[in-house]
Protein backbone atom coordinates (compact mmCIF):
# COMPACT_ATOMS: atom_id res chain seq x y z
CA MET A 1 45.56 18.44 31.99
CA LEU A 2 46.82 15.61 29.75
CA THR A 3 45.65 12.33 31.29
CA SER A 4 47.31 8.99 30.65
CA THR A 5 44.27 7.90 28.62
CA THR A 6 44.41 11.02 26.47
CA PHE A 7 48.13 10.55 25.92
CA THR A 8 47.55 6.94 24.88
CA TRP A 9 44.95 7.98 22.32
CA ILE A 10 47.34 10.59 20.95
CA TRP A 11 50.04 7.92 20.81
CA ILE A 12 47.66 5.68 18.82
CA GLY A 13 47.04 8.58 16.43
CA VAL A 14 50.80 8.89 15.88
CA ALA A 15 50.91 5.15 15.12
CA VAL A 16 48.24 5.51 12.43
CA ILE A 17 50.15 8.38 10.81
CA THR A 18 53.37 6.36 11.00
CA PHE A 19 51.65 3.40 9.34
CA PHE A 20 50.63 5.39 6.27
CA TYR A 21 53.99 7.15 6.11
CA LEU A 22 55.92 3.86 6.12
CA LEU A 23 53.45 2.22 3.76
CA PHE A 24 53.39 4.91 1.07
CA PHE A 25 56.39 7.19 1.50
CA LYS A 26 59.46 5.75 3.22
CA THR A 27 60.86 2.32 4.11
CA ALA A 28 62.60 2.19 7.48
CA PRO A 29 66.31 1.95 6.56
CA TYR A 30 67.58 -1.03 8.51
CA GLY A 31 68.28 -4.65 7.67
CA ARG A 32 68.26 -5.23 3.92
CA HIS A 33 66.94 -1.69 3.46
CA SER A 34 69.75 -0.05 5.45
CA SER A 35 71.12 3.21 4.07
CA VAL A 36 74.11 5.42 4.97
CA ASN A 37 72.02 8.41 3.89
CA TRP A 38 70.44 8.37 7.35
CA GLY A 39 73.62 9.45 9.13
CA PRO A 40 76.04 7.65 11.46
CA MET A 41 75.87 3.87 11.53
CA ILE A 42 76.21 1.32 14.33
CA SER A 43 76.83 -2.41 14.35
CA ASN A 44 73.58 -4.22 13.53
CA ARG A 45 73.99 -6.63 16.44
CA LEU A 46 74.84 -3.90 18.98
CA GLY A 47 72.02 -1.73 17.65
CA TRP A 48 69.52 -4.55 18.20
CA ILE A 49 70.67 -5.03 21.78
CA LEU A 50 70.57 -1.33 22.65
CA MET A 51 67.17 -0.65 21.09
CA GLU A 52 65.39 -3.67 22.59
CA LEU A 53 67.00 -3.65 26.04
CA PRO A 54 64.92 -0.69 27.38
CA ALA A 55 61.71 -2.69 26.96
CA LEU A 56 63.22 -5.53 28.99
CA LEU A 57 64.59 -3.40 31.83
CA LEU A 58 62.22 -0.43 32.01
CA PHE A 59 59.10 -2.56 32.34
CA PHE A 60 60.18 -3.60 35.81
CA VAL A 61 61.44 -0.10 36.67
CA PHE A 62 58.15 1.55 35.68
CA PHE A 63 56.16 -1.12 37.49
CA TYR A 64 58.02 -1.21 40.79
CA THR A 65 58.30 2.56 41.11
CA GLN A 66 54.50 2.76 41.12
CA LYS A 67 53.32 -0.34 42.93
CA GLU A 68 54.79 -3.21 44.89
CA PHE A 69 51.75 -5.51 44.77
CA ILE A 70 51.64 -7.99 41.87
CA SER A 71 48.47 -9.96 41.23
CA TYR A 72 48.59 -13.45 39.75
CA GLY A 73 47.51 -12.23 36.33
CA VAL A 74 50.07 -9.43 36.19
CA ALA A 75 52.77 -11.90 37.26
CA VAL A 76 51.95 -13.95 34.15
CA PHE A 77 52.09 -10.82 31.97
CA LEU A 78 55.49 -9.93 33.45
CA VAL A 79 56.87 -13.40 32.69
CA LEU A 80 55.62 -13.35 29.10
CA TRP A 81 56.99 -9.84 28.57
CA PHE A 82 60.36 -10.92 29.99
CA ILE A 83 60.52 -14.03 27.77
CA HIS A 84 59.82 -12.02 24.63
CA TYR A 85 62.21 -9.19 25.31
CA PHE A 86 65.01 -11.30 26.74
CA ASN A 87 64.91 -13.13 23.45
CA ARG A 88 64.78 -9.90 21.40
CA SER A 89 67.47 -8.04 23.32
CA VAL A 90 69.90 -10.86 24.16
CA ILE A 91 69.30 -14.18 22.38
CA PHE A 92 68.20 -12.97 18.93
CA PRO A 93 71.09 -10.49 18.41
CA LEU A 94 73.56 -13.24 19.27
CA ARG A 95 71.91 -15.66 16.82
CA ILE A 96 71.74 -13.45 13.74
CA LYS A 97 74.50 -13.78 11.16
CA THR A 98 75.09 -10.10 10.43
CA ALA A 99 78.87 -9.73 10.67
CA GLY A 100 79.86 -6.37 9.20
CA LYS A 101 76.30 -5.14 8.75
CA LYS A 102 75.20 -1.83 10.23
CA MET A 103 72.06 0.16 10.93
CA PRO A 104 71.58 3.95 11.21
CA VAL A 105 71.96 5.29 14.75
CA VAL A 106 68.78 7.32 14.23
CA ILE A 107 66.81 4.08 13.74
CA MET A 108 68.23 2.68 16.97
CA LEU A 109 67.35 5.88 18.86
CA SER A 110 63.82 5.99 17.45
CA ALA A 111 63.32 2.36 18.52
CA ILE A 112 64.56 3.19 22.03
CA PHE A 113 62.03 6.04 22.19
CA PHE A 114 59.26 3.79 20.85
CA ASN A 115 60.05 1.01 23.34
CA THR A 116 60.30 3.43 26.27
CA ILE A 117 56.89 5.00 25.61
CA ASN A 118 55.08 1.70 25.02
CA THR A 119 56.75 0.01 27.98
CA GLY A 120 55.93 2.97 30.23
CA ILE A 121 52.22 3.20 29.45
CA ILE A 122 51.67 -0.57 29.69
CA ALA A 123 53.66 -1.02 32.90
CA SER A 124 51.98 2.01 34.48
CA TYR A 125 48.51 0.71 33.68
CA LEU A 126 49.21 -2.78 35.00
CA ALA A 127 50.81 -1.37 38.14
CA ASN A 128 47.81 0.83 38.90
CA ASN A 129 45.19 -1.77 37.99
CA SER A 130 46.85 -4.95 39.23
CA GLU A 131 43.85 -5.97 41.37
CA GLN A 132 41.62 -6.60 38.36
CA TYR A 133 43.88 -9.44 37.22
CA GLY A 134 43.32 -11.91 40.05
CA LEU A 135 42.94 -15.69 39.86
CA ASP A 136 39.48 -15.33 38.34
CA TRP A 137 41.04 -13.54 35.34
CA PHE A 138 42.55 -16.87 34.25
CA THR A 139 39.08 -18.20 33.44
CA THR A 140 37.99 -15.25 31.27
CA TRP A 141 37.77 -15.60 27.50
CA GLN A 142 40.20 -12.70 27.15
CA PHE A 143 42.95 -14.51 29.03
CA VAL A 144 42.38 -17.90 27.39
CA LEU A 145 42.20 -16.52 23.84
CA GLY A 146 44.95 -13.97 24.42
CA LEU A 147 47.40 -16.47 25.90
CA THR A 148 46.70 -18.91 23.06
CA LEU A 149 47.41 -16.23 20.45
CA PHE A 150 50.51 -15.02 22.29
CA VAL A 151 52.05 -18.49 22.50
CA THR A 152 51.10 -19.26 18.89
CA GLY A 153 52.56 -15.98 17.65
CA PHE A 154 55.74 -16.49 19.66
CA PHE A 155 56.23 -19.96 18.15
CA ILE A 156 55.61 -18.68 14.61
CA ASN A 157 58.05 -15.82 15.15
CA GLN A 158 60.76 -18.04 16.67
CA TYR A 159 60.55 -20.85 14.12
CA SER A 160 60.44 -18.41 11.20
CA ASP A 161 63.52 -16.62 12.56
CA TYR A 162 65.23 -20.00 12.92
CA LEU A 163 64.57 -20.83 9.26
CA LEU A 164 65.75 -17.40 8.10
CA ILE A 165 68.92 -17.44 10.19
CA ASN A 166 69.85 -20.91 8.95
CA LEU A 167 69.37 -20.07 5.28
CA ARG A 168 73.00 -18.97 5.24
CA LYS A 169 75.92 -21.29 5.71
CA PRO A 170 78.86 -20.06 7.81
CA GLY A 171 80.59 -17.20 6.02
CA GLU A 172 77.75 -16.51 3.59
CA THR A 173 76.26 -13.02 3.38
CA ASN A 174 73.96 -13.31 0.37
CA TYR A 175 70.17 -13.45 0.58
CA LYS A 176 68.20 -16.55 -0.40
CA ILE A 177 64.53 -17.41 -0.92
CA PRO A 178 63.11 -18.91 2.29
CA ASN A 179 60.83 -21.92 1.93
CA GLY A 180 58.76 -24.21 4.10
CA PHE A 181 56.47 -23.59 7.04
CA LEU A 182 54.41 -20.37 6.59
CA PHE A 183 56.88 -19.14 3.97
CA ARG A 184 54.72 -21.13 1.57
CA PHE A 185 52.04 -18.48 2.00
CA ILE A 186 53.70 -15.23 3.07
CA SER A 187 57.09 -13.56 2.73
CA CYS A 188 57.36 -12.54 6.38
CA PRO A 189 55.90 -15.12 8.78
CA ASN A 190 58.35 -13.89 11.43
CA LEU A 191 56.66 -10.48 11.36
CA PHE A 192 53.22 -12.10 11.13
CA GLY A 193 54.03 -14.10 14.25
CA GLU A 194 54.99 -10.99 16.17
CA VAL A 195 51.76 -9.24 15.17
CA ILE A 196 49.76 -12.27 16.38
CA GLU A 197 51.81 -12.35 19.57
CA TRP A 198 51.02 -8.76 20.56
CA LEU A 199 47.41 -9.08 19.46
CA GLY A 200 47.25 -11.90 22.00
CA PHE A 201 48.85 -9.72 24.67
CA ALA A 202 46.34 -6.94 23.99
CA ILE A 203 43.42 -9.34 24.33
CA MET A 204 44.94 -11.06 27.36
CA THR A 205 45.45 -7.80 29.28
CA TRP A 206 42.39 -6.09 27.76
CA CYS A 207 43.59 -2.52 28.31
CA LEU A 208 44.08 0.53 26.08
CA PRO A 209 47.90 0.73 26.45
CA SER A 210 48.30 -2.86 25.24
CA TRP A 211 46.02 -2.18 22.29
CA ALA A 212 48.13 0.89 21.52
CA PHE A 213 51.21 -1.34 21.50
CA PHE A 214 49.52 -3.80 19.15
CA ILE A 215 48.53 -0.97 16.80
CA TRP A 216 52.11 0.33 16.86
CA THR A 217 53.42 -3.18 16.17
CA PHE A 218 51.17 -3.52 13.14
CA ALA A 219 51.97 0.03 12.00
CA ASN A 220 55.69 -0.80 12.00
CA LEU A 221 55.71 -4.39 10.80
CA ALA A 222 53.02 -4.47 8.10
CA PRO A 223 54.71 -1.80 5.92
CA ARG A 224 58.05 -3.50 6.53
CA ALA A 225 56.62 -6.81 5.34
CA ILE A 226 55.31 -5.10 2.20
CA SER A 227 58.79 -3.66 1.57
CA HIS A 228 60.39 -7.08 2.10
CA HIS A 229 57.89 -8.69 -0.26
CA LYS A 230 58.56 -6.14 -3.01
CA TRP A 231 62.30 -6.57 -2.47
CA TYR A 232 62.03 -10.35 -2.91
CA LEU A 233 60.01 -9.94 -6.11
CA GLN A 234 62.56 -7.51 -7.54
CA LYS A 235 65.67 -9.48 -6.54
CA PHE A 236 64.48 -13.00 -7.41
CA PRO A 237 62.72 -13.45 -10.80
CA ASN A 238 61.65 -16.95 -9.71
CA TYR A 239 60.11 -15.78 -6.43
CA PRO A 240 56.72 -17.49 -5.84
CA LYS A 241 54.07 -15.11 -7.16
CA SER A 242 51.33 -16.70 -5.04
CA ARG A 243 52.88 -15.55 -1.76
CA LYS A 244 51.43 -12.59 0.07
CA ALA A 245 53.45 -10.24 2.28
CA ILE A 246 52.23 -10.72 5.85
CA LEU A 247 48.63 -11.98 5.95
CA PRO A 248 48.13 -15.41 4.32
CA PHE A 249 45.86 -15.28 1.23
CA VAL A 250 45.02 -11.62 1.95
CA TRP A 251 47.87 -9.08 1.89
């Protein structure tokens, strides 16, 4: 019988394979790397909403269908999850200046599948282990460090997105070199912030499903940052050569 733990380990294995595939063989075709060769296309803004919305809604569905009791710690996790995914599924798509841009439907569907699996295994674990996250959990090093990293990562992600979105003046569609903040050191501080954010969530909840989600986040975003970095270097001859892709001074 396939247990939830076994499934989660298999899911982690798929993430590792995906990481190497995206790093060495294929760039995910959305955003600046979008390609019509991947089949039917959908509005970039609508695609973002549809692919992120399951994580916002299904978390509560998965949780409440398994357990009605919510401990203090899990209540905090629920709030943080809601803040992140309300931003990703509602606020961020409305902020981005992507008029006329499209993404492949297959990318949207794969993201829906990804979000459904990760949301399901995390929500199920928290629902069935809610008691371990009582008031005393707030004084553990896991919660203190994890919450600090989550908030820090969220700020980095939000401010980096703000700088990127405001690079373009109304009506502009061309790409520009971002500067300031962590862009002085890396090409993709927005992706770096999200990695830090979910590392914090994994530490804060200290459970295998959350670590699986962090591994998946890194497996998706690190190769994408590398692709962005290479794209900047190819498109802009004057692009700062000292910048790394996603990890300051390292990678």
